[in-house]
Amino acid sequence: SEEEEWNRLEPVLNALKGKISVPVSVDTYYPYVAEKAAKA
């Protein structure tokens, strides 16, 4: 589900902040996840 996918991605995206300098891409076809990933 989109909720489960986001639950897997959210801690990784949050933990990556400040750790790498290159762009992060998120592999998803859910608009819900895309919106949250962009904010993260």
Full PDB file with SEQRES, HELIX, SHEET, SSBOND, CRYST1, ORIGX, SCALE, CONECT and MASTER records, all heavy atoms in Angstrom:
SEQRES   1 A   40  SER GLU GLU GLU GLU TRP ASN ARG LEU GLU PRO VAL LEU          
SEQRES   2 A   40  ASN ALA LEU LYS GLY LYS ILE SER VAL PRO VAL SER VAL          
SEQRES   3 A   40  ASP THR TYR TYR PRO TYR VAL ALA GLU LYS ALA ALA LYS          
SEQRES   4 A   40  ALA                                                          
HELIX    1 AA1 GLU A    2  LEU A   16  1                                  15    
HELIX    2 AA2 PRO A   31  LYS A   39  1                                   9    
CRYST1    1.000    1.000    1.000  90.00  90.00  90.00 P 1           1          
ORIGX1      1.000000  0.000000  0.000000        0.00000                         
ORIGX2      0.000000  1.000000  0.000000        0.00000                         
ORIGX3      0.000000  0.000000  1.000000        0.00000                         
SCALE1      1.000000  0.000000  0.000000        0.00000                         
SCALE2      0.000000  1.000000  0.000000        0.00000                         
SCALE3      0.000000  0.000000  1.000000        0.00000                         
ATOM      1  N   SER A   1       0.833  -1.199   0.000  1.00  0.00           N  
ATOM      2  CA  SER A   1       0.000   0.000   0.000  1.00  0.00           C  
ATOM      3  C   SER A   1       0.865   1.245   0.000  1.00  0.00           C  
ATOM      4  O   SER A   1       2.067   1.198   0.323  1.00  0.00           O  
ATOM      5  CB  SER A   1      -0.902   0.016   1.234  1.00  0.00           C  
ATOM      6  OG  SER A   1      -0.125   0.194   2.410  1.00  0.00           O  
ATOM      7  N   GLU A   2       0.266   2.368  -0.333  1.00  0.00           N  
ATOM      8  CA  GLU A   2       1.013   3.625  -0.317  1.00  0.00           C  
ATOM      9  C   GLU A   2       1.490   3.956   1.103  1.00  0.00           C  
ATOM     10  O   GLU A   2       2.580   4.509   1.290  1.00  0.00           O  
ATOM     11  CB  GLU A   2       0.169   4.767  -0.881  1.00  0.00           C  
ATOM     12  CG  GLU A   2      -1.149   4.988  -0.179  1.00  0.00           C  
ATOM     13  CD  GLU A   2      -2.026   6.012  -0.890  1.00  0.00           C  
ATOM     14  OE1 GLU A   2      -1.781   6.320  -2.066  1.00  0.00           O  
ATOM     15  OE2 GLU A   2      -2.968   6.513  -0.232  1.00  0.00           O  
ATOM     16  N   GLU A   3       0.672   3.591   2.107  1.00  0.00           N  
ATOM     17  CA  GLU A   3       1.067   3.848   3.493  1.00  0.00           C  
ATOM     18  C   GLU A   3       2.280   3.013   3.891  1.00  0.00           C  
ATOM     19  O   GLU A   3       3.213   3.514   4.529  1.00  0.00           O  
ATOM     20  CB  GLU A   3      -0.097   3.555   4.448  1.00  0.00           C  
ATOM     21  CG  GLU A   3      -1.259   4.524   4.356  1.00  0.00           C  
ATOM     22  CD  GLU A   3      -2.216   4.170   3.223  1.00  0.00           C  
ATOM     23  OE1 GLU A   3      -2.016   3.110   2.583  1.00  0.00           O  
ATOM     24  OE2 GLU A   3      -3.155   4.960   2.996  1.00  0.00           O  
ATOM     25  N   GLU A   4       2.282   1.731   3.513  1.00  0.00           N  
ATOM     26  CA  GLU A   4       3.415   0.865   3.837  1.00  0.00           C  
ATOM     27  C   GLU A   4       4.666   1.317   3.097  1.00  0.00           C  
ATOM     28  O   GLU A   4       5.770   1.328   3.661  1.00  0.00           O  
ATOM     29  CB  GLU A   4       3.088  -0.584   3.474  1.00  0.00           C  
ATOM     30  CG  GLU A   4       4.255  -1.560   3.622  1.00  0.00           C  
ATOM     31  CD  GLU A   4       4.759  -1.681   5.044  1.00  0.00           C  
ATOM     32  OE1 GLU A   4       4.006  -1.356   5.997  1.00  0.00           O  
ATOM     33  OE2 GLU A   4       5.925  -2.100   5.213  1.00  0.00           O  
ATOM     34  N   GLU A   5       4.514   1.691   1.845  1.00  0.00           N  
ATOM     35  CA  GLU A   5       5.668   2.173   1.088  1.00  0.00           C  
ATOM     36  C   GLU A   5       6.262   3.402   1.756  1.00  0.00           C  
ATOM     37  O   GLU A   5       7.497   3.509   1.906  1.00  0.00           O  
ATOM     38  CB  GLU A   5       5.273   2.484  -0.355  1.00  0.00           C  
ATOM     39  CG  GLU A   5       6.460   2.893  -1.231  1.00  0.00           C  
ATOM     40  CD  GLU A   5       6.056   3.132  -2.671  1.00  0.00           C  
ATOM     41  OE1 GLU A   5       6.086   2.179  -3.461  1.00  0.00           O  
ATOM     42  OE2 GLU A   5       5.696   4.281  -3.003  1.00  0.00           O  
ATOM     43  N   TRP A   6       5.412   4.324   2.156  1.00  0.00           N  
ATOM     44  CA  TRP A   6       5.911   5.532   2.801  1.00  0.00           C  
ATOM     45  C   TRP A   6       6.551   5.220   4.159  1.00  0.00           C  
ATOM     46  O   TRP A   6       7.573   5.820   4.526  1.00  0.00           O  
ATOM     47  CB  TRP A   6       4.801   6.566   2.971  1.00  0.00           C  
ATOM     48  CG  TRP A   6       5.268   7.788   3.703  1.00  0.00           C  
ATOM     49  CD1 TRP A   6       4.806   8.292   4.870  1.00  0.00           C  
ATOM     50  CD2 TRP A   6       6.345   8.659   3.305  1.00  0.00           C  
ATOM     51  NE1 TRP A   6       5.507   9.409   5.236  1.00  0.00           N  
ATOM     52  CE2 TRP A   6       6.459   9.652   4.289  1.00  0.00           C  
ATOM     53  CE3 TRP A   6       7.208   8.677   2.214  1.00  0.00           C  
ATOM     54  CZ2 TRP A   6       7.411  10.664   4.222  1.00  0.00           C  
ATOM     55  CZ3 TRP A   6       8.164   9.677   2.141  1.00  0.00           C  
ATOM     56  CH2 TRP A   6       8.260  10.668   3.135  1.00  0.00           C  
ATOM     57  N   ASN A   7       6.001   4.261   4.901  1.00  0.00           N  
ATOM     58  CA  ASN A   7       6.588   3.881   6.186  1.00  0.00           C  
ATOM     59  C   ASN A   7       8.014   3.345   6.015  1.00  0.00           C  
ATOM     60  O   ASN A   7       8.848   3.499   6.910  1.00  0.00           O  
ATOM     61  CB  ASN A   7       5.722   2.823   6.878  1.00  0.00           C  
ATOM     62  CG  ASN A   7       4.436   3.401   7.432  1.00  0.00           C  
ATOM     63  OD1 ASN A   7       4.330   4.609   7.669  1.00  0.00           O  
ATOM     64  ND2 ASN A   7       3.442   2.559   7.647  1.00  0.00           N  
ATOM     65  N   ARG A   8       8.283   2.727   4.874  1.00  0.00           N  
ATOM     66  CA  ARG A   8       9.638   2.237   4.593  1.00  0.00           C  
ATOM     67  C   ARG A   8      10.574   3.372   4.175  1.00  0.00           C  
ATOM     68  O   ARG A   8      11.753   3.377   4.527  1.00  0.00           O  
ATOM     69  CB  ARG A   8       9.593   1.182   3.483  1.00  0.00           C  
ATOM     70  CG  ARG A   8       8.865  -0.094   3.849  1.00  0.00           C  
ATOM     71  CD  ARG A   8       8.790  -1.034   2.648  1.00  0.00           C  
ATOM     72  NE  ARG A   8       8.111  -2.286   2.969  1.00  0.00           N  
ATOM     73  CZ  ARG A   8       7.913  -3.270   2.090  1.00  0.00           C  
ATOM     74  NH1 ARG A   8       8.349  -3.139   0.844  1.00  0.00           N  
ATOM     75  NH2 ARG A   8       7.289  -4.375   2.454  1.00  0.00           N  
ATOM     76  N   LEU A   9      10.037   4.316   3.425  1.00  0.00           N  
ATOM     77  CA  LEU A   9      10.864   5.382   2.863  1.00  0.00           C  
ATOM     78  C   LEU A   9      11.141   6.520   3.843  1.00  0.00           C  
ATOM     79  O   LEU A   9      12.247   7.084   3.849  1.00  0.00           O  
ATOM     80  CB  LEU A   9      10.192   5.962   1.621  1.00  0.00           C  
ATOM     81  CG  LEU A   9      10.113   5.050   0.401  1.00  0.00           C  
ATOM     82  CD1 LEU A   9       9.189   5.656  -0.651  1.00  0.00           C  
ATOM     83  CD2 LEU A   9      11.498   4.813  -0.185  1.00  0.00           C  
ATOM     84  N   GLU A  10      10.162   6.870   4.657  1.00  0.00           N  
ATOM     85  CA  GLU A  10      10.283   8.059   5.506  1.00  0.00           C  
ATOM     86  C   GLU A  10      11.530   8.043   6.397  1.00  0.00           C  
ATOM     87  O   GLU A  10      12.282   9.039   6.413  1.00  0.00           O  
ATOM     88  CB  GLU A  10       9.026   8.224   6.363  1.00  0.00           C  
ATOM     89  CG  GLU A  10       9.061   9.477   7.229  1.00  0.00           C  
ATOM     90  CD  GLU A  10       7.812   9.660   8.060  1.00  0.00           C  
ATOM     91  OE1 GLU A  10       7.092   8.655   8.279  1.00  0.00           O  
ATOM     92  OE2 GLU A  10       7.554  10.799   8.496  1.00  0.00           O  
ATOM     93  N   PRO A  11      11.798   6.963   7.138  1.00  0.00           N  
ATOM     94  CA  PRO A  11      12.993   7.012   7.995  1.00  0.00           C  
ATOM     95  C   PRO A  11      14.294   7.125   7.217  1.00  0.00           C  
ATOM     96  O   PRO A  11      15.262   7.735   7.695  1.00  0.00           O  
ATOM     97  CB  PRO A  11      12.920   5.690   8.782  1.00  0.00           C  
ATOM     98  CG  PRO A  11      12.011   4.806   7.997  1.00  0.00           C  
ATOM     99  CD  PRO A  11      11.043   5.715   7.326  1.00  0.00           C  
ATOM    100  N   VAL A  12      14.329   6.572   6.017  1.00  0.00           N  
ATOM    101  CA  VAL A  12      15.536   6.656   5.202  1.00  0.00           C  
ATOM    102  C   VAL A  12      15.745   8.079   4.709  1.00  0.00           C  
ATOM    103  O   VAL A  12      16.847   8.638   4.803  1.00  0.00           O  
ATOM    104  CB  VAL A  12      15.470   5.683   4.011  1.00  0.00           C  
ATOM    105  CG1 VAL A  12      16.695   5.835   3.125  1.00  0.00           C  
ATOM    106  CG2 VAL A  12      15.343   4.248   4.503  1.00  0.00           C  
ATOM    107  N   LEU A  13      14.692   8.699   4.181  1.00  0.00           N  
ATOM    108  CA  LEU A  13      14.811  10.071   3.679  1.00  0.00           C  
ATOM    109  C   LEU A  13      15.185  11.032   4.796  1.00  0.00           C  
ATOM    110  O   LEU A  13      16.026  11.929   4.603  1.00  0.00           O  
ATOM    111  CB  LEU A  13      13.502  10.501   3.020  1.00  0.00           C  
ATOM    112  CG  LEU A  13      13.101   9.741   1.753  1.00  0.00           C  
ATOM    113  CD1 LEU A  13      11.755  10.236   1.240  1.00  0.00           C  
ATOM    114  CD2 LEU A  13      14.166   9.875   0.666  1.00  0.00           C  
ATOM    115  N   ASN A  14      14.580  10.856   5.959  1.00  0.00           N  
ATOM    116  CA  ASN A  14      14.917  11.727   7.088  1.00  0.00           C  
ATOM    117  C   ASN A  14      16.371  11.536   7.523  1.00  0.00           C  
ATOM    118  O   ASN A  14      17.066  12.506   7.831  1.00  0.00           O  
ATOM    119  CB  ASN A  14      13.978  11.448   8.262  1.00  0.00           C  
ATOM    120  CG  ASN A  14      12.575  11.985   8.017  1.00  0.00           C  
ATOM    121  OD1 ASN A  14      12.386  12.919   7.242  1.00  0.00           O  
ATOM    122  ND2 ASN A  14      11.580  11.400   8.667  1.00  0.00           N  
ATOM    123  N   ALA A  15      16.829  10.289   7.535  1.00  0.00           N  
ATOM    124  CA  ALA A  15      18.194   9.998   7.973  1.00  0.00           C  
ATOM    125  C   ALA A  15      19.239  10.467   6.964  1.00  0.00           C  
ATOM    126  O   ALA A  15      20.390  10.721   7.328  1.00  0.00           O  
ATOM    127  CB  ALA A  15      18.359   8.502   8.235  1.00  0.00           C  
ATOM    128  N   LEU A  16      18.853  10.574   5.693  1.00  0.00           N  
ATOM    129  CA  LEU A  16      19.796  10.999   4.653  1.00  0.00           C  
ATOM    130  C   LEU A  16      20.076  12.501   4.678  1.00  0.00           C  
ATOM    131  O   LEU A  16      21.087  12.948   4.133  1.00  0.00           O  
ATOM    132  CB  LEU A  16      19.268  10.619   3.269  1.00  0.00           C  
ATOM    133  CG  LEU A  16      19.439   9.171   2.831  1.00  0.00           C  
ATOM    134  CD1 LEU A  16      18.734   8.930   1.505  1.00  0.00           C  
ATOM    135  CD2 LEU A  16      20.918   8.811   2.722  1.00  0.00           C  
ATOM    136  N   LYS A  17      19.215  13.267   5.313  1.00  0.00           N  
ATOM    137  CA  LYS A  17      19.390  14.724   5.325  1.00  0.00           C  
ATOM    138  C   LYS A  17      20.721  15.093   5.956  1.00  0.00           C  
ATOM    139  O   LYS A  17      21.045  14.694   7.066  1.00  0.00           O  
ATOM    140  CB  LYS A  17      18.244  15.375   6.089  1.00  0.00           C  
ATOM    141  CG  LYS A  17      16.895  15.258   5.399  1.00  0.00           C  
ATOM    142  CD  LYS A  17      15.768  15.850   6.239  1.00  0.00           C  
ATOM    143  CE  LYS A  17      14.428  15.698   5.548  1.00  0.00           C  
ATOM    144  NZ  LYS A  17      13.302  16.183   6.377  1.00  0.00           N  
ATOM    145  N   GLY A  18      21.502  15.846   5.190  1.00  0.00           N  
ATOM    146  CA  GLY A  18      22.797  16.279   5.676  1.00  0.00           C  
ATOM    147  C   GLY A  18      23.902  15.248   5.542  1.00  0.00           C  
ATOM    148  O   GLY A  18      25.062  15.537   5.827  1.00  0.00           O  
ATOM    149  N   LYS A  19      23.548  14.041   5.083  1.00  0.00           N  
ATOM    150  CA  LYS A  19      24.546  12.969   4.970  1.00  0.00           C  
ATOM    151  C   LYS A  19      25.131  12.870   3.555  1.00  0.00           C  
ATOM    152  O   LYS A  19      26.258  12.416   3.389  1.00  0.00           O  
ATOM    153  CB  LYS A  19      23.916  11.625   5.333  1.00  0.00           C  
ATOM    154  CG  LYS A  19      23.335  11.532   6.737  1.00  0.00           C  
ATOM    155  CD  LYS A  19      24.420  11.407   7.775  1.00  0.00           C  
ATOM    156  CE  LYS A  19      23.903  10.877   9.109  1.00  0.00           C  
ATOM    157  NZ  LYS A  19      22.616  11.383   9.553  1.00  0.00           N  
ATOM    158  N   ILE A  20      24.336  13.238   2.546  1.00  0.00           N  
ATOM    159  CA  ILE A  20      24.820  13.197   1.171  1.00  0.00           C  
ATOM    160  C   ILE A  20      24.495  14.529   0.500  1.00  0.00           C  
ATOM    161  O   ILE A  20      23.584  15.247   0.925  1.00  0.00           O  
ATOM    162  CB  ILE A  20      24.201  12.027   0.354  1.00  0.00           C  
ATOM    163  CG1 ILE A  20      22.678  12.160   0.278  1.00  0.00           C  
ATOM    164  CG2 ILE A  20      24.606  10.686   0.950  1.00  0.00           C  
ATOM    165  CD1 ILE A  20      22.036  11.114  -0.633  1.00  0.00           C  
ATOM    166  N   SER A  21      25.231  14.834  -0.555  1.00  0.00           N  
ATOM    167  CA  SER A  21      25.039  16.126  -1.227  1.00  0.00           C  
ATOM    168  C   SER A  21      24.425  15.984  -2.614  1.00  0.00           C  
ATOM    169  O   SER A  21      24.097  16.988  -3.246  1.00  0.00           O  
ATOM    170  CB  SER A  21      26.384  16.859  -1.342  1.00  0.00           C  
ATOM    171  OG  SER A  21      27.316  16.082  -2.070  1.00  0.00           O  
ATOM    172  N   VAL A  22      24.271  14.745  -3.096  1.00  0.00           N  
ATOM    173  CA  VAL A  22      23.693  14.535  -4.426  1.00  0.00           C  
ATOM    174  C   VAL A  22      22.170  14.436  -4.320  1.00  0.00           C  
ATOM    175  O   VAL A  22      21.636  14.171  -3.243  1.00  0.00           O  
ATOM    176  CB  VAL A  22      24.267  13.256  -5.081  1.00  0.00           C  
ATOM    177  CG1 VAL A  22      25.755  13.403  -5.306  1.00  0.00           C  
ATOM    178  CG2 VAL A  22      23.948  12.017  -4.244  1.00  0.00           C  
ATOM    179  N   PRO A  23      21.449  14.645  -5.422  1.00  0.00           N  
ATOM    180  CA  PRO A  23      19.983  14.562  -5.383  1.00  0.00           C  
ATOM    181  C   PRO A  23      19.501  13.161  -5.009  1.00  0.00           C  
ATOM    182  O   PRO A  23      20.110  12.153  -5.373  1.00  0.00           O  
ATOM    183  CB  PRO A  23      19.567  14.906  -6.822  1.00  0.00           C  
ATOM    184  CG  PRO A  23      20.748  15.548  -7.439  1.00  0.00           C  
ATOM    185  CD  PRO A  23      21.951  15.018  -6.756  1.00  0.00           C  
ATOM    186  N   VAL A  24      18.368  13.131  -4.310  1.00  0.00           N  
ATOM    187  CA  VAL A  24      17.715  11.877  -3.958  1.00  0.00           C  
ATOM    188  C   VAL A  24      16.467  11.711  -4.817  1.00  0.00           C  
ATOM    189  O   VAL A  24      15.641  12.617  -4.925  1.00  0.00           O  
ATOM    190  CB  VAL A  24      17.332  11.834  -2.468  1.00  0.00           C  
ATOM    191  CG1 VAL A  24      16.508  10.583  -2.152  1.00  0.00           C  
ATOM    192  CG2 VAL A  24      18.570  11.880  -1.595  1.00  0.00           C  
ATOM    193  N   SER A  25      16.371  10.549  -5.435  1.00  0.00           N  
ATOM    194  CA  SER A  25      15.202  10.170  -6.229  1.00  0.00           C  
ATOM    195  C   SER A  25      14.412   9.134  -5.445  1.00  0.00           C  
ATOM    196  O   SER A  25      14.987   8.294  -4.753  1.00  0.00           O  
ATOM    197  CB  SER A  25      15.665   9.588  -7.571  1.00  0.00           C  
ATOM    198  OG  SER A  25      14.613   8.924  -8.234  1.00  0.00           O  
ATOM    199  N   VAL A  26      13.092   9.189  -5.554  1.00  0.00           N  
ATOM    200  CA  VAL A  26      12.246   8.185  -4.909  1.00  0.00           C  
ATOM    201  C   VAL A  26      11.484   7.424  -5.983  1.00  0.00           C  
ATOM    202  O   VAL A  26      10.814   8.011  -6.831  1.00  0.00           O  
ATOM    203  CB  VAL A  26      11.274   8.832  -3.900  1.00  0.00           C  
ATOM    204  CG1 VAL A  26      10.192   7.849  -3.482  1.00  0.00           C  
ATOM    205  CG2 VAL A  26      12.035   9.303  -2.673  1.00  0.00           C  
ATOM    206  N   ASP A  27      11.618   6.112  -5.940  1.00  0.00           N  
ATOM    207  CA  ASP A  27      10.994   5.210  -6.904  1.00  0.00           C  
ATOM    208  C   ASP A  27       9.585   4.888  -6.416  1.00  0.00           C  
ATOM    209  O   ASP A  27       9.404   4.062  -5.509  1.00  0.00           O  
ATOM    210  CB  ASP A  27      11.858   3.944  -7.000  1.00  0.00           C  
ATOM    211  CG  ASP A  27      11.406   2.996  -8.096  1.00  0.00           C  
ATOM    212  OD1 ASP A  27      10.275   3.147  -8.579  1.00  0.00           O  
ATOM    213  OD2 ASP A  27      12.185   2.097  -8.447  1.00  0.00           O  
ATOM    214  N   THR A  28       8.586   5.559  -6.983  1.00  0.00           N  
ATOM    215  CA  THR A  28       7.196   5.345  -6.564  1.00  0.00           C  
ATOM    216  C   THR A  28       6.234   5.697  -7.684  1.00  0.00           C  
ATOM    217  O   THR A  28       6.532   6.550  -8.511  1.00  0.00           O  
ATOM    218  CB  THR A  28       6.848   6.179  -5.314  1.00  0.00           C  
ATOM    219  OG1 THR A  28       5.521   5.831  -4.863  1.00  0.00           O  
ATOM    220  CG2 THR A  28       6.888   7.674  -5.610  1.00  0.00           C  
ATOM    221  N   TYR A  29       5.077   5.027  -7.698  1.00  0.00           N  
ATOM    222  CA  TYR A  29       4.020   5.433  -8.617  1.00  0.00           C  
ATOM    223  C   TYR A  29       2.814   5.956  -7.859  1.00  0.00           C  
ATOM    224  O   TYR A  29       1.755   6.193  -8.444  1.00  0.00           O  
ATOM    225  CB  TYR A  29       3.619   4.288  -9.555  1.00  0.00           C  
ATOM    226  CG  TYR A  29       3.352   2.956  -8.888  1.00  0.00           C  
ATOM    227  CD1 TYR A  29       2.164   2.711  -8.210  1.00  0.00           C  
ATOM    228  CD2 TYR A  29       4.279   1.930  -8.975  1.00  0.00           C  
ATOM    229  CE1 TYR A  29       1.911   1.488  -7.619  1.00  0.00           C  
ATOM    230  CE2 TYR A  29       4.048   0.694  -8.390  1.00  0.00           C  
ATOM    231  CZ  TYR A  29       2.856   0.481  -7.708  1.00  0.00           C  
ATOM    232  OH  TYR A  29       2.619  -0.747  -7.127  1.00  0.00           O  
ATOM    233  N   TYR A  30       2.975   6.163  -6.556  1.00  0.00           N  
ATOM    234  CA  TYR A  30       1.893   6.706  -5.730  1.00  0.00           C  
ATOM    235  C   TYR A  30       2.048   8.222  -5.580  1.00  0.00           C  
ATOM    236  O   TYR A  30       3.050   8.689  -5.023  1.00  0.00           O  
ATOM    237  CB  TYR A  30       1.913   6.091  -4.337  1.00  0.00           C  
ATOM    238  CG  TYR A  30       1.537   4.639  -4.255  1.00  0.00           C  
ATOM    239  CD1 TYR A  30       2.348   3.733  -3.574  1.00  0.00           C  
ATOM    240  CD2 TYR A  30       0.353   4.168  -4.825  1.00  0.00           C  
ATOM    241  CE1 TYR A  30       2.001   2.399  -3.462  1.00  0.00           C  
ATOM    242  CE2 TYR A  30      -0.002   2.835  -4.716  1.00  0.00           C  
ATOM    243  CZ  TYR A  30       0.813   1.949  -4.036  1.00  0.00           C  
ATOM    244  OH  TYR A  30       0.463   0.620  -3.932  1.00  0.00           O  
ATOM    245  N   PRO A  31       1.077   9.025  -6.015  1.00  0.00           N  
ATOM    246  CA  PRO A  31       1.155  10.470  -5.800  1.00  0.00           C  
ATOM    247  C   PRO A  31       1.259  10.842  -4.321  1.00  0.00           C  
ATOM    248  O   PRO A  31       1.972  11.790  -3.967  1.00  0.00           O  
ATOM    249  CB  PRO A  31      -0.157  10.987  -6.410  1.00  0.00           C  
ATOM    250  CG  PRO A  31      -0.501   9.968  -7.459  1.00  0.00           C  
ATOM    251  CD  PRO A  31      -0.075   8.659  -6.885  1.00  0.00           C  
ATOM    252  N   TYR A  32       0.569  10.091  -3.476  1.00  0.00           N  
ATOM    253  CA  TYR A  32       0.631  10.317  -2.019  1.00  0.00           C  
ATOM    254  C   TYR A  32       2.074  10.244  -1.530  1.00  0.00           C  
ATOM    255  O   TYR A  32       2.553  11.107  -0.780  1.00  0.00           O  
ATOM    256  CB  TYR A  32      -0.233   9.264  -1.331  1.00  0.00           C  
ATOM    257  CG  TYR A  32      -0.060   9.143   0.167  1.00  0.00           C  
ATOM    258  CD1 TYR A  32      -0.777   9.950   1.041  1.00  0.00           C  
ATOM    259  CD2 TYR A  32       0.805   8.185   0.708  1.00  0.00           C  
ATOM    260  CE1 TYR A  32      -0.636   9.817   2.431  1.00  0.00           C  
ATOM    261  CE2 TYR A  32       0.963   8.046   2.073  1.00  0.00           C  
ATOM    262  CZ  TYR A  32       0.242   8.862   2.928  1.00  0.00           C  
ATOM    263  OH  TYR A  32       0.389   8.725   4.289  1.00  0.00           O  
ATOM    264  N   VAL A  33       2.795   9.216  -1.958  1.00  0.00           N  
ATOM    265  CA  VAL A  33       4.194   9.041  -1.553  1.00  0.00           C  
ATOM    266  C   VAL A  33       5.071  10.115  -2.187  1.00  0.00           C  
ATOM    267  O   VAL A  33       5.978  10.655  -1.542  1.00  0.00           O  
ATOM    268  CB  VAL A  33       4.696   7.636  -1.930  1.00  0.00           C  
ATOM    269  CG1 VAL A  33       6.189   7.491  -1.642  1.00  0.00           C  
ATOM    270  CG2 VAL A  33       3.906   6.558  -1.184  1.00  0.00           C  
ATOM    271  N   ALA A  34       4.798  10.444  -3.441  1.00  0.00           N  
ATOM    272  CA  ALA A  34       5.582  11.473  -4.128  1.00  0.00           C  
ATOM    273  C   ALA A  34       5.502  12.809  -3.386  1.00  0.00           C  
ATOM    274  O   ALA A  34       6.519  13.487  -3.198  1.00  0.00           O  
ATOM    275  CB  ALA A  34       5.089  11.634  -5.562  1.00  0.00           C  
ATOM    276  N   GLU A  35       4.311  13.178  -2.965  1.00  0.00           N  
ATOM    277  CA  GLU A  35       4.126  14.442  -2.249  1.00  0.00           C  
ATOM    278  C   GLU A  35       4.906  14.449  -0.940  1.00  0.00           C  
ATOM    279  O   GLU A  35       5.599  15.414  -0.610  1.00  0.00           O  
ATOM    280  CB  GLU A  35       2.643  14.673  -1.973  1.00  0.00           C  
ATOM    281  CG  GLU A  35       1.823  14.988  -3.214  1.00  0.00           C  
ATOM    282  CD  GLU A  35       0.333  15.086  -2.926  1.00  0.00           C  
ATOM    283  OE1 GLU A  35      -0.056  14.894  -1.748  1.00  0.00           O  
ATOM    284  OE2 GLU A  35      -0.439  15.351  -3.865  1.00  0.00           O  
ATOM    285  N   LYS A  36       4.781  13.373  -0.182  1.00  0.00           N  
ATOM    286  CA  LYS A  36       5.462  13.297   1.104  1.00  0.00           C  
ATOM    287  C   LYS A  36       6.976  13.229   0.925  1.00  0.00           C  
ATOM    288  O   LYS A  36       7.735  13.825   1.700  1.00  0.00           O  
ATOM    289  CB  LYS A  36       4.947  12.095   1.901  1.00  0.00           C  
ATOM    290  CG  LYS A  36       3.546  12.290   2.466  1.00  0.00           C  
ATOM    291  CD  LYS A  36       3.150  11.168   3.391  1.00  0.00           C  
ATOM    292  CE  LYS A  36       1.869  11.495   4.145  1.00  0.00           C  
ATOM    293  NZ  LYS A  36       2.030  12.639   5.075  1.00  0.00           N  
ATOM    294  N   ALA A  37       7.423  12.499  -0.102  1.00  0.00           N  
ATOM    295  CA  ALA A  37       8.857  12.377  -0.347  1.00  0.00           C  
ATOM    296  C   ALA A  37       9.463  13.726  -0.710  1.00  0.00           C  
ATOM    297  O   ALA A  37      10.570  14.063  -0.256  1.00  0.00           O  
ATOM    298  CB  ALA A  37       9.104  11.368  -1.461  1.00  0.00           C  
ATOM    299  N   ALA A  38       8.765  14.501  -1.529  1.00  0.00           N  
ATOM    300  CA  ALA A  38       9.264  15.824  -1.906  1.00  0.00           C  
ATOM    301  C   ALA A  38       9.402  16.720  -0.678  1.00  0.00           C  
ATOM    302  O   ALA A  38      10.391  17.446  -0.528  1.00  0.00           O  
ATOM    303  CB  ALA A  38       8.335  16.456  -2.931  1.00  0.00           C  
ATOM    304  N   LYS A  39       8.431  16.656   0.221  1.00  0.00           N  
ATOM    305  CA  LYS A  39       8.493  17.453   1.451  1.00  0.00           C  
ATOM    306  C   LYS A  39       9.636  16.995   2.349  1.00  0.00           C  
ATOM    307  O   LYS A  39      10.183  17.787   3.130  1.00  0.00           O  
ATOM    308  CB  LYS A  39       7.165  17.372   2.196  1.00  0.00           C  
ATOM    309  CG  LYS A  39       6.027  18.092   1.494  1.00  0.00           C  
ATOM    310  CD  LYS A  39       4.715  17.930   2.244  1.00  0.00           C  
ATOM    311  CE  LYS A  39       3.574  18.625   1.499  1.00  0.00           C  
ATOM    312  NZ  LYS A  39       2.266  18.418   2.179  1.00  0.00           N  
ATOM    313  N   ALA A  40      10.002  15.706   2.229  1.00  0.00           N  
ATOM    314  CA  ALA A  40      11.081  15.152   3.050  1.00  0.00           C  
ATOM    315  C   ALA A  40      12.450  15.324   2.403  1.00  0.00           C  
ATOM    316  O   ALA A  40      13.454  14.856   2.944  1.00  0.00           O  
ATOM    317  CB  ALA A  40      10.813  13.677   3.329  1.00  0.00           C  
TER     318      ALA A  40                                                      
MASTER        0    0    0    2    0    0    0    6  317    1    0    4          
END                                                                             
